[in-house]
């Protein structure tokens, strides 16, 4: 996991999860919110370094993301505060 974060840090291509396209695979890089947001995401099984796949984009900016077999719906506000970067696999498939 640390190697994955180092790779992301080198790329500097971090962006809000709310901007991720459907089908993209991303890794959580940072969280812009306070302790409450971090706690909520941890309770949902999402933490720094977690790999996610954007399964569905909903009207109004909400997202459904997958982490393995877990599916989580995030509102637009929360998705805007989660900073992600494309994973190597996702970057390679777009090239």
Protein backbone atom coordinates (compact mmCIF):
# COMPACT_ATOMS: atom_id res chain seq x y z
CA UNK A 1 0.00 0.00 0.00
CA UNK A 2 2.83 2.44 0.81
CA UNK A 3 4.42 1.78 -2.59
CA UNK A 4 1.07 2.58 -4.22
CA UNK A 5 0.88 5.90 -2.35
CA UNK A 6 4.46 6.78 -3.30
CA UNK A 7 3.63 6.10 -6.94
CA UNK A 8 0.61 8.38 -6.71
CA UNK A 9 2.68 11.08 -4.99
CA UNK A 10 5.16 11.00 -7.87
CA UNK A 11 2.39 11.43 -10.43
CA UNK A 12 0.70 14.39 -8.69
CA UNK A 13 -2.52 13.68 -10.58
CA UNK A 14 -4.86 13.84 -7.60
CA UNK A 15 -8.42 15.10 -8.05
CA UNK A 16 -11.77 14.98 -6.18
CA UNK A 17 -13.60 11.65 -6.37
CA UNK A 18 -16.63 13.59 -7.63
CA UNK A 19 -14.77 14.13 -10.94
CA UNK A 20 -13.96 10.45 -11.53
CA UNK A 21 -15.66 8.89 -14.53
CA UNK A 22 -17.81 5.79 -14.35
CA UNK A 23 -15.62 2.68 -14.63
CA UNK A 24 -12.40 4.38 -13.47
CA UNK A 25 -10.25 2.72 -10.84
CA UNK A 26 -8.84 5.12 -8.27
CA UNK A 27 -6.96 5.08 -4.99
CA UNK A 28 -7.86 7.34 -2.04
CA UNK A 29 -5.00 9.82 -1.72
CA UNK A 30 -6.30 12.28 0.91
CA UNK A 31 -9.42 13.57 2.61
CA UNK A 32 -10.16 17.28 2.79
CA UNK A 33 -12.72 17.00 5.58
CA UNK A 34 -12.20 16.82 9.31
CA UNK A 35 -12.28 13.95 11.77
CA UNK A 36 -15.99 13.40 11.18
CA UNK A 37 -15.51 12.68 7.48
CA UNK A 38 -12.52 10.42 8.11
CA UNK A 39 -14.48 8.51 10.75
CA UNK A 40 -17.53 8.12 8.49
CA UNK A 41 -15.43 6.84 5.59
CA UNK A 42 -13.55 4.44 7.89
CA UNK A 43 -16.91 3.13 9.14
CA UNK A 44 -17.87 2.54 5.50
CA UNK A 45 -14.64 0.59 4.92
CA UNK A 46 -12.85 3.34 2.99
CA UNK A 47 -9.48 4.61 4.19
CA UNK A 48 -6.33 6.21 2.78
CA UNK A 49 -4.82 3.92 0.19
CA UNK A 50 -8.08 2.08 -0.53
CA UNK A 51 -8.58 1.14 -4.17
CA UNK A 52 -12.03 1.94 -5.53
CA UNK A 53 -13.89 1.52 -8.79
CA UNK A 54 -16.57 4.03 -9.74
CA UNK A 55 -19.56 1.85 -10.51
CA UNK A 56 -22.24 4.47 -11.08
CA UNK A 57 -22.62 8.23 -11.27
CA UNK A 58 -26.01 9.46 -10.08
CA UNK A 59 -27.85 12.70 -10.87
CA UNK A 60 -26.82 15.48 -8.52
CA UNK A 61 -23.23 14.25 -8.19
CA UNK A 62 -23.73 11.18 -5.99
CA UNK A 63 -21.56 8.13 -6.73
CA UNK A 64 -21.64 4.41 -6.13
CA UNK A 65 -18.13 3.04 -5.63
CA UNK A 66 -16.91 -0.51 -5.16
CA UNK A 67 -14.10 -1.81 -2.98
CA UNK A 68 -13.94 -5.51 -3.71
CA UNK A 69 -17.44 -6.88 -3.10
CA UNK A 70 -18.44 -3.84 -1.01
CA UNK A 71 -20.60 -1.18 -2.69
CA UNK A 72 -20.88 2.25 -1.08
CA UNK A 73 -23.01 5.22 -2.12
CA UNK A 74 -21.46 8.63 -1.46
CA UNK A 75 -23.23 11.96 -1.70
CA UNK A 76 -21.86 14.75 -3.87
CA UNK A 77 -20.47 16.71 -0.91
CA UNK A 78 -18.58 13.77 0.49
CA UNK A 79 -17.28 12.75 -2.95
CA UNK A 80 -15.95 16.29 -3.43
CA UNK A 81 -13.88 16.04 -0.21
CA UNK A 82 -12.26 12.69 -1.05
CA UNK A 83 -9.10 13.22 -3.10
CA UNK A 84 -8.13 10.31 -5.36
CA UNK A 85 -5.64 9.44 -8.08
CA UNK A 86 -6.00 7.01 -10.95
CA UNK A 87 -4.43 3.64 -10.25
CA UNK A 88 -1.71 2.31 -12.52
CA UNK A 89 -4.10 -0.24 -14.05
CA UNK A 90 -6.62 2.47 -14.90
CA UNK A 91 -3.93 4.77 -16.33
CA UNK A 92 -2.47 2.01 -18.50
CA UNK A 93 -5.85 1.08 -19.97
CA UNK A 94 -6.43 4.68 -21.12
CA UNK A 95 -3.05 5.02 -22.83
